[in-house]
Amino acid sequence: MLKSAQRGLADAQNESIETDSQFDLAVEAAHKFALAALRREGYRSENRITVYQTLTHTIGVSNADIQIFLKAHNERNLASYQGRIDIGEKLLADLIAATKRLSTAVAKLAPPA
């Protein structure tokens, strides 16, 4: 899962692909990293919002980054379920930066006992 998340994050930073694709890759990478942190603590969740909200407890992610992940999740849902695709460059940049920080934090986690 982590290798897939790392590849997705790297691909999300490729400015030669469409912004929507970059956004999708970044959202998926963020979710995989967040899920890895949650699973490291012995928990599972099928709810993406819960996975993001637990980051403050699993690896100490800032509330600001959690808000970025939640906003990105909301935008992803609007695109998927309502066909609305209006991803701003600032949200994409913020999401990639927050996902990079999340990736670094997850990489520092000790393997499960």
C-alpha atoms as a PDB file:
ATOM      1  CA  MET A   1       0.000   0.000   0.000  1.00  0.00           C
ATOM      2  CA  LEU A   2       2.807   2.445   0.834  1.00  0.00           C
ATOM      3  CA  LYS A   3       4.615   1.903  -2.450  1.00  0.00           C
ATOM      4  CA  SER A   4       1.389   2.562  -4.315  1.00  0.00           C
ATOM      5  CA  ALA A   5       0.834   5.726  -2.263  1.00  0.00           C
ATOM      6  CA  GLN A   6       4.379   6.909  -2.944  1.00  0.00           C
ATOM      7  CA  ARG A   7       3.973   6.328  -6.689  1.00  0.00           C
ATOM      8  CA  GLY A   8       0.639   8.135  -6.654  1.00  0.00           C
ATOM      9  CA  LEU A   9       2.130  11.104  -4.827  1.00  0.00           C
ATOM     10  CA  ALA A  10       5.030  11.257  -7.278  1.00  0.00           C
ATOM     11  CA  ASP A  11       2.653  11.080 -10.242  1.00  0.00           C
ATOM     12  CA  ALA A  12       0.407  13.749  -8.697  1.00  0.00           C
ATOM     13  CA  GLN A  13       3.328  16.160  -8.933  1.00  0.00           C
ATOM     14  CA  ASN A  14       3.713  15.570 -12.682  1.00  0.00           C
ATOM     15  CA  GLU A  15       2.529  18.862 -14.158  1.00  0.00           C
ATOM     16  CA  SER A  16       2.305  17.389 -17.650  1.00  0.00           C
ATOM     17  CA  ILE A  17      -0.898  15.543 -16.742  1.00  0.00           C
ATOM     18  CA  GLU A  18      -4.326  17.105 -16.308  1.00  0.00           C
ATOM     19  CA  THR A  19      -5.061  18.878 -13.027  1.00  0.00           C
ATOM     20  CA  ASP A  20      -8.014  16.570 -12.390  1.00  0.00           C
ATOM     21  CA  SER A  21      -5.765  13.528 -12.722  1.00  0.00           C
ATOM     22  CA  GLN A  22      -3.144  15.071 -10.463  1.00  0.00           C
ATOM     23  CA  PHE A  23      -5.865  15.745  -7.908  1.00  0.00           C
ATOM     24  CA  ASP A  24      -7.232  12.192  -8.069  1.00  0.00           C
ATOM     25  CA  LEU A  25      -3.742  10.760  -7.608  1.00  0.00           C
ATOM     26  CA  ALA A  26      -3.017  13.038  -4.655  1.00  0.00           C
ATOM     27  CA  VAL A  27      -6.344  12.245  -2.956  1.00  0.00           C
ATOM     28  CA  GLU A  28      -5.771   8.513  -3.328  1.00  0.00           C
ATOM     29  CA  ALA A  29      -2.187   8.785  -2.069  1.00  0.00           C
ATOM     30  CA  ALA A  30      -3.308  10.790   0.972  1.00  0.00           C
ATOM     31  CA  HIS A  31      -5.958   8.209   1.784  1.00  0.00           C
ATOM     32  CA  LYS A  32      -3.495   5.315   1.482  1.00  0.00           C
ATOM     33  CA  PHE A  33      -0.969   7.020   3.765  1.00  0.00           C
ATOM     34  CA  ALA A  34      -3.690   7.884   6.300  1.00  0.00           C
ATOM     35  CA  LEU A  35      -5.028   4.338   6.182  1.00  0.00           C
ATOM     36  CA  ALA A  36      -1.530   2.954   6.737  1.00  0.00           C
ATOM     37  CA  ALA A  37      -1.177   5.118   9.855  1.00  0.00           C
ATOM     38  CA  LEU A  38      -4.526   3.909  11.160  1.00  0.00           C
ATOM     39  CA  ARG A  39      -3.740   0.273  10.454  1.00  0.00           C
ATOM     40  CA  ARG A  40      -0.381   0.664  12.170  1.00  0.00           C
ATOM     41  CA  GLU A  41      -2.359   1.351  15.339  1.00  0.00           C
ATOM     42  CA  GLY A  42      -4.401  -1.811  14.807  1.00  0.00           C
ATOM     43  CA  TYR A  43      -7.583  -0.208  13.467  1.00  0.00           C
ATOM     44  CA  ARG A  44      -9.466  -0.293  10.196  1.00  0.00           C
ATOM     45  CA  SER A  45     -12.129   1.931   8.723  1.00  0.00           C
ATOM     46  CA  GLU A  46     -14.057   1.958   5.482  1.00  0.00           C
ATOM     47  CA  ASN A  47     -15.007   5.599   6.012  1.00  0.00           C
ATOM     48  CA  ARG A  48     -12.520   8.011   4.439  1.00  0.00           C
ATOM     49  CA  ILE A  49     -13.545  10.901   6.669  1.00  0.00           C
ATOM     50  CA  THR A  50     -12.858   8.818   9.771  1.00  0.00           C
ATOM     51  CA  VAL A  51      -9.483   7.782   8.388  1.00  0.00           C
ATOM     52  CA  TYR A  52      -8.512  11.441   7.928  1.00  0.00           C
ATOM     53  CA  GLN A  53      -9.944  12.568  11.263  1.00  0.00           C
ATOM     54  CA  THR A  54      -7.920   9.992  13.183  1.00  0.00           C
ATOM     55  CA  LEU A  55      -4.630  11.357  11.829  1.00  0.00           C
ATOM     56  CA  THR A  56      -4.337  13.764  14.727  1.00  0.00           C
ATOM     57  CA  HIS A  57      -4.246  10.730  17.038  1.00  0.00           C
ATOM     58  CA  THR A  58      -2.352   8.213  14.901  1.00  0.00           C
ATOM     59  CA  ILE A  59       0.609  10.376  13.872  1.00  0.00           C
ATOM     60  CA  GLY A  60      -0.087  13.896  15.043  1.00  0.00           C
ATOM     61  CA  VAL A  61      -1.011  15.534  11.756  1.00  0.00           C
ATOM     62  CA  SER A  62      -1.964  19.199  12.151  1.00  0.00           C
ATOM     63  CA  ASN A  63      -5.592  20.246  12.107  1.00  0.00           C
ATOM     64  CA  ALA A  64      -4.816  22.440   9.095  1.00  0.00           C
ATOM     65  CA  ASP A  65      -3.666  19.419   7.087  1.00  0.00           C
ATOM     66  CA  ILE A  66      -6.690  17.404   8.181  1.00  0.00           C
ATOM     67  CA  GLN A  67      -8.912  20.222   6.906  1.00  0.00           C
ATOM     68  CA  ILE A  68      -7.095  20.087   3.555  1.00  0.00           C
ATOM     69  CA  PHE A  69      -7.688  16.329   3.316  1.00  0.00           C
ATOM     70  CA  LEU A  70     -11.357  16.744   4.212  1.00  0.00           C
ATOM     71  CA  LYS A  71     -11.843  19.542   1.668  1.00  0.00           C
ATOM     72  CA  ALA A  72     -10.131  17.433  -0.995  1.00  0.00           C
ATOM     73  CA  HIS A  73     -12.346  14.478  -0.065  1.00  0.00           C
ATOM     74  CA  ASN A  74     -15.432  16.680  -0.429  1.00  0.00           C
ATOM     75  CA  GLU A  75     -14.268  17.947  -3.832  1.00  0.00           C
ATOM     76  CA  ARG A  76     -13.563  14.371  -4.909  1.00  0.00           C
ATOM     77  CA  ASN A  77     -17.106  13.395  -3.965  1.00  0.00           C
ATOM     78  CA  LEU A  78     -18.596  16.342  -5.826  1.00  0.00           C
ATOM     79  CA  ALA A  79     -16.643  15.339  -8.923  1.00  0.00           C
ATOM     80  CA  SER A  80     -17.510  11.653  -8.630  1.00  0.00           C
ATOM     81  CA  TYR A  81     -21.168  11.894  -7.711  1.00  0.00           C
ATOM     82  CA  GLN A  82     -22.305  15.198  -9.163  1.00  0.00           C
ATOM     83  CA  GLY A  83     -19.948  15.590 -12.109  1.00  0.00           C
ATOM     84  CA  ARG A  84     -18.602  18.849 -10.747  1.00  0.00           C
ATOM     85  CA  ILE A  85     -14.953  19.264 -11.582  1.00  0.00           C
ATOM     86  CA  ASP A  86     -13.552  22.547 -10.354  1.00  0.00           C
ATOM     87  CA  ILE A  87     -10.223  21.803  -8.736  1.00  0.00           C
ATOM     88  CA  GLY A  88      -8.329  24.980  -7.954  1.00  0.00           C
ATOM     89  CA  GLU A  89      -4.570  25.154  -8.229  1.00  0.00           C
ATOM     90  CA  LYS A  90      -4.298  26.239  -4.590  1.00  0.00           C
ATOM     91  CA  LEU A  91      -6.221  23.217  -3.323  1.00  0.00           C
ATOM     92  CA  LEU A  92      -4.094  20.918  -5.460  1.00  0.00           C
ATOM     93  CA  ALA A  93      -0.866  22.533  -4.216  1.00  0.00           C
ATOM     94  CA  ASP A  94      -2.061  22.416  -0.594  1.00  0.00           C
ATOM     95  CA  LEU A  95      -3.116  18.783  -0.971  1.00  0.00           C
ATOM     96  CA  ILE A  96       0.216  17.740  -2.446  1.00  0.00           C
ATOM     97  CA  ALA A  97       2.142  19.590   0.282  1.00  0.00           C
ATOM     98  CA  ALA A  98      -0.003  18.052   3.048  1.00  0.00           C
ATOM     99  CA  THR A  99       0.329  14.601   1.497  1.00  0.00           C
ATOM    100  CA  LYS A 100       4.118  14.999   1.375  1.00  0.00           C
ATOM    101  CA  ARG A 101       4.122  15.826   5.087  1.00  0.00           C
ATOM    102  CA  LEU A 102       1.874  12.835   5.745  1.00  0.00           C
ATOM    103  CA  SER A 103       4.163  10.580   3.700  1.00  0.00           C
ATOM    104  CA  THR A 104       7.175  11.712   5.742  1.00  0.00           C
ATOM    105  CA  ALA A 105       5.347  11.083   9.028  1.00  0.00           C
ATOM    106  CA  VAL A 106       4.170   7.624   7.944  1.00  0.00           C
ATOM    107  CA  ALA A 107       7.691   6.701   6.799  1.00  0.00           C
ATOM    108  CA  LYS A 108       8.954   7.396  10.341  1.00  0.00           C
ATOM    109  CA  LEU A 109       6.500   4.969  11.946  1.00  0.00           C
ATOM    110  CA  ALA A 110       7.986   1.857  13.487  1.00  0.00           C
ATOM    111  CA  PRO A 111       6.696  -1.415  12.070  1.00  0.00           C
ATOM    112  CA  PRO A 112       3.838  -2.990  14.025  1.00  0.00           C
ATOM    113  CA  ALA A 113       4.843  -5.204  16.933  1.00  0.00           C
END
